[in-house]
Structure formats: structure tokens, C-alpha cells
Protein backbone atom coordinates (compact mmCIF):
# COMPACT_ATOMS: atom_id res chain seq x y z
CA MET A 1 93.61 -14.80 -14.89
CA GLY A 2 94.20 -18.22 -13.50
CA THR A 3 96.49 -19.22 -16.39
CA ALA A 4 98.82 -16.27 -15.90
CA GLY A 5 99.61 -17.29 -12.32
CA ALA A 6 97.09 -15.29 -10.29
CA GLY A 7 95.87 -18.48 -8.63
CA PRO A 8 93.09 -20.83 -9.64
CA ARG A 9 89.56 -19.56 -10.02
CA PRO A 10 86.67 -21.56 -8.58
CA PRO A 11 84.87 -24.03 -10.84
CA ALA A 12 82.55 -22.46 -13.40
CA SER A 13 79.44 -23.14 -11.31
CA GLU A 14 80.82 -21.15 -8.36
CA TYR A 15 82.34 -18.45 -10.57
CA ALA A 16 79.04 -17.83 -12.35
CA ALA A 17 77.27 -17.25 -9.05
CA SER A 18 79.79 -14.60 -8.01
CA GLN A 19 80.18 -12.93 -11.39
CA GLY A 20 79.36 -9.21 -11.40
CA ASN A 21 79.40 -8.58 -15.13
CA VAL A 22 75.61 -8.48 -15.47
CA LEU A 23 73.46 -5.47 -16.29
CA GLY A 24 69.76 -6.08 -16.83
CA ARG A 25 69.43 -8.93 -19.33
CA MET A 26 72.97 -8.48 -20.57
CA THR A 27 76.19 -10.20 -19.52
CA ALA A 28 79.72 -9.11 -20.37
CA LEU A 29 82.54 -11.62 -20.71
CA THR A 30 86.22 -10.67 -20.99
CA LEU A 31 89.05 -13.19 -21.33
CA MET A 32 92.81 -12.95 -21.65
CA THR A 33 94.13 -16.31 -22.77
CA PRO A 34 97.73 -17.23 -23.63
CA VAL A 35 98.68 -18.17 -27.18
CA ARG A 36 101.66 -20.29 -28.13
CA ARG A 37 104.01 -18.08 -30.14
CA GLN A 38 104.22 -20.54 -33.02
CA TRP A 39 100.47 -20.03 -33.65
CA LEU A 40 100.48 -16.22 -33.82
CA TRP A 41 100.76 -16.29 -37.62
CA PHE A 42 97.71 -18.55 -37.81
CA LEU A 43 95.53 -16.26 -35.69
CA ARG A 44 96.75 -13.10 -37.46
CA LEU A 45 95.89 -14.60 -40.83
CA GLY A 46 92.56 -15.90 -39.55
CA PHE A 47 91.52 -12.52 -38.15
CA ARG A 48 92.47 -10.76 -41.39
CA LEU A 49 90.43 -13.21 -43.48
CA ALA A 50 87.48 -13.47 -41.05
CA PRO A 51 85.34 -10.72 -42.67
CA TYR A 52 85.48 -12.64 -45.96
CA SER A 53 85.09 -16.13 -44.53
CA PRO A 54 81.92 -18.21 -44.17
CA LEU A 55 83.13 -18.91 -40.61
CA ARG A 56 82.13 -15.32 -39.77
CA ASP A 57 78.50 -16.33 -40.24
CA HIS A 58 78.89 -19.01 -37.58
CA ILE A 59 79.22 -16.43 -34.79
CA ILE A 60 76.70 -14.03 -36.34
CA GLN A 61 74.03 -16.76 -36.32
CA PHE A 62 73.54 -16.26 -32.58
CA ASN A 63 71.00 -13.48 -32.26
CA PHE A 64 71.66 -13.13 -28.52
CA ILE A 65 75.12 -11.62 -29.09
CA LYS A 66 75.28 -7.84 -28.98
CA TYR A 67 79.03 -7.48 -29.39
CA VAL A 68 82.01 -9.78 -29.85
CA ARG A 69 85.69 -9.11 -30.53
CA TRP A 70 89.05 -10.89 -30.45
CA VAL A 71 92.37 -8.99 -30.33
CA LEU A 72 95.94 -10.31 -30.22
CA VAL A 73 98.10 -8.74 -27.51
CA ASP A 74 101.76 -9.29 -28.39
CA GLY A 75 103.12 -7.21 -25.53
CA LEU A 76 102.42 -4.52 -22.97
CA ASP A 77 104.56 -1.49 -22.21
CA GLY A 78 107.01 -2.37 -19.47
CA GLU A 79 105.81 -5.99 -19.23
CA ASP A 80 107.78 -9.08 -20.16
CA LEU A 81 105.04 -11.53 -21.16
CA LYS A 82 105.70 -15.25 -21.14
CA TYR A 83 103.08 -15.64 -23.88
CA PRO A 84 101.25 -13.36 -26.26
CA TYR A 85 97.56 -13.22 -25.34
CA LEU A 86 94.25 -13.43 -27.08
CA HIS A 87 91.91 -10.80 -25.66
CA PHE A 88 88.23 -11.68 -26.08
CA GLU A 89 85.28 -9.54 -25.09
CA SER A 90 81.59 -9.97 -25.69
CA ASN A 91 78.24 -8.66 -24.48
CA PHE A 92 75.24 -10.94 -24.86
CA ASP A 93 71.75 -11.69 -23.57
CA GLY A 94 71.36 -14.06 -20.69
CA PRO A 95 73.70 -16.07 -18.47
CA TRP A 96 77.20 -16.81 -19.67
CA GLU A 97 76.76 -20.57 -19.26
CA HIS A 98 74.20 -20.61 -22.12
CA TYR A 99 76.56 -18.57 -24.29
CA ILE A 100 79.37 -21.06 -23.71
CA ASP A 101 77.03 -24.00 -24.37
CA ALA A 102 76.40 -22.53 -27.83
CA PHE A 103 80.14 -22.20 -28.39
CA ALA A 104 80.84 -25.73 -27.20
CA TYR A 105 78.12 -27.53 -29.14
CA VAL A 106 77.26 -25.37 -32.17
CA ILE A 107 80.58 -23.83 -33.25
CA ALA A 108 83.05 -26.11 -31.47
CA THR A 109 85.39 -26.29 -34.49
CA ASP A 110 85.57 -22.49 -34.77
CA ILE A 111 86.30 -22.18 -31.06
CA ARG A 112 88.98 -24.88 -31.19
CA LEU A 113 90.62 -23.09 -34.15
CA THR A 114 90.66 -19.79 -32.26
CA TRP A 115 91.28 -20.56 -28.58
CA GLY A 116 92.90 -23.94 -29.14
CA ARG A 117 96.21 -22.24 -29.98
CA GLY A 118 97.00 -21.82 -26.29
CA PRO A 119 98.05 -24.16 -23.48
CA ASP A 120 95.48 -26.09 -21.45
CA PHE A 121 92.55 -25.47 -23.81
CA PRO A 122 89.93 -28.22 -23.20
CA HIS A 123 88.76 -28.67 -26.85
CA PRO A 124 84.94 -28.84 -26.55
CA PRO A 125 82.54 -30.52 -26.51
CA PRO A 126 81.55 -31.16 -23.75
CA ALA A 127 80.84 -27.68 -22.39
CA GLU A 128 81.74 -28.08 -18.70
CA PRO A 129 85.55 -28.19 -19.14
CA LEU A 130 85.27 -25.16 -21.43
CA LYS A 131 83.26 -23.29 -18.78
CA ASP A 132 85.90 -24.07 -16.17
CA TRP A 133 88.65 -22.90 -18.54
CA ILE A 134 86.76 -19.66 -19.25
CA ALA A 135 86.17 -19.08 -15.54
CA ALA A 136 89.91 -19.52 -14.96
CA ASN A 137 90.80 -17.00 -17.67
CA SER A 138 88.04 -14.42 -17.16
CA LEU A 139 88.66 -10.89 -16.06
CA ASP A 140 86.26 -9.08 -13.82
CA GLY A 141 84.43 -6.41 -15.78
CA GLY A 142 85.64 -2.87 -15.85
CA THR A 143 83.50 -0.53 -17.89
CA TYR A 144 81.36 -1.36 -20.87
CA TYR A 145 78.44 0.27 -22.66
CA CYS A 146 75.05 -1.17 -23.46
CA ALA A 147 72.32 1.02 -24.92
CA HIS A 148 69.48 -1.41 -24.16
CA ALA A 149 70.40 -3.54 -21.15
CA GLU A 150 66.78 -4.42 -20.36
CA HIS A 151 66.00 -5.66 -23.87
CA SER A 152 67.32 -8.72 -25.63
CA THR A 153 68.88 -8.54 -29.07
CA ARG A 154 65.87 -10.44 -30.40
CA ASP A 155 63.51 -7.82 -28.85
CA LEU A 156 65.41 -5.06 -30.61
CA GLN A 157 65.47 -6.87 -33.95
CA ASN A 158 61.72 -7.46 -33.69
CA ALA A 159 61.07 -3.82 -32.80
CA LEU A 160 63.02 -2.65 -35.85
CA ALA A 161 61.15 -5.11 -38.10
CA VAL A 162 57.76 -3.91 -36.76
CA ARG A 163 58.82 -0.30 -37.28
CA ASP A 164 59.76 -0.98 -40.90
CA ALA A 165 56.51 -2.87 -41.53
CA PHE A 166 54.50 -0.06 -39.93
CA LEU A 167 56.23 2.59 -42.07
CA ASP A 168 55.36 0.54 -45.14
CA PHE A 169 51.75 0.18 -43.93
CA ARG A 170 51.49 3.91 -43.22
CA ALA A 171 52.70 4.77 -46.73
CA ARG A 172 50.00 2.51 -48.24
CA ALA A 173 47.25 3.60 -45.82
CA ALA A 174 46.83 7.09 -47.29
CA SER A 175 45.32 5.62 -50.46
CA LEU A 176 42.96 3.16 -48.72
CA GLY A 177 39.25 3.62 -48.12
CA PRO A 178 37.81 2.91 -44.62
CA ASP A 179 36.98 -0.76 -45.27
CA GLU A 180 40.29 -1.37 -47.03
CA PHE A 181 42.12 0.37 -44.18
CA LYS A 182 40.38 -1.78 -41.57
CA ALA A 183 41.24 -4.99 -43.47
CA ALA A 184 44.85 -3.85 -44.04
CA TRP A 185 45.24 -2.87 -40.36
CA GLN A 186 43.94 -6.22 -39.17
CA GLN A 187 46.29 -7.98 -41.60
CA PHE A 188 49.20 -5.85 -40.34
CA LEU A 189 48.44 -6.84 -36.73
CA THR A 190 48.13 -10.50 -37.69
CA ASP A 191 51.39 -10.46 -39.64
CA GLU A 192 53.33 -8.67 -36.91
CA GLN A 193 51.80 -10.34 -33.85
CA SER A 194 54.70 -12.70 -33.30
CA ARG A 195 57.08 -9.74 -33.11
CA LEU A 196 55.01 -7.65 -30.68
């Protein structure tokens, strides 16, 4: 972590090229960012209310995210921390630069409310200073799980939708005559083509 005194990381463009947190189509991102102590109450309250807040839908709108989580770290056994930390981890489809672009331009207010409680946060937009800040605070990946690394979240959502539509078609097909079945099958293929 560059912020915690481990030395500066390279700019985001260089960091992305050397990043090893990629498996198939998926990228993992882990950050430990300092939080000013006077803002701990704000983040604690925000995280408690998040499941009931319309802001939750802002992050869920991105169908390329497989997993996302924020956790406050007040202390570590045997460690005297200068700051509490905000631990962030996420797994998502595609390169991390695109993920951060979405944060910087689509949900910039949400990101400023969450990460902006710490020192040196660049307050997006634009995205490039945020990318550099994330590169400086990123941790190299340890171990993480992904059931479908070769498939995007959108692929999986489409597959589940086709499965459900097919199960519905199959339930109706038993009562169809040959001509009706042929017409219904062709309609099923037409309706589901964009998901196949």
C-alpha cells in the first residue's frame, strides 16, 4: 500500500500492465485505504443502512460485477495503526481500468462518500487520478474464488434466463400439436436469440 508507507506504486497505466489479479475474463481488486478517525461513525452508519438505501442499487446496476464488499478495519492484533482502514475487495469482468471508469463517471458521488473519508483521495471525476490512487493503495491478490472465470456475469445471467424460458416452453410443449410445436419452437428461438 503506497499510502501506508510501503513506497509509491507506479502510475495506474504501468500498474495495470503488471497486475496479476486476472483469471480468465475476471479481475480481482483489493484495496486497503486509510480513513480519518472522525469519519468512522459516518462509514459505520452508511454500511448499516446500505441494504435499505437506494444507493445500494447504484453499485448493483453494473452487471459486470461478480462480487463487491467494503469492511472497516479498526485495528489488527499486535499492530498500532496510524489510521483505521477501509478494506475493499471486488471481482468483476474485464480490465480494472473500465471498472474504475464506471466508478468515476457513473457513481462518483457514492465513491466520494465512501472513499473520500481518507487522506489524499482524488474526488473523481476525472478517472485518471482515481486510477493512480487505486494503484497506490492496491494489494496484490492472494486467494479468491470464481466459479466461472471464463464467462462474464452477463453471459451467466443470459444463460439462466434462457434456461428459465426453456423450462417454461417445455412445460407448454407437451400439450402442443406438431404444427403448434414448430411455431412455438421458432418463436422461442426468435425470442431468446439475443441471449444465446
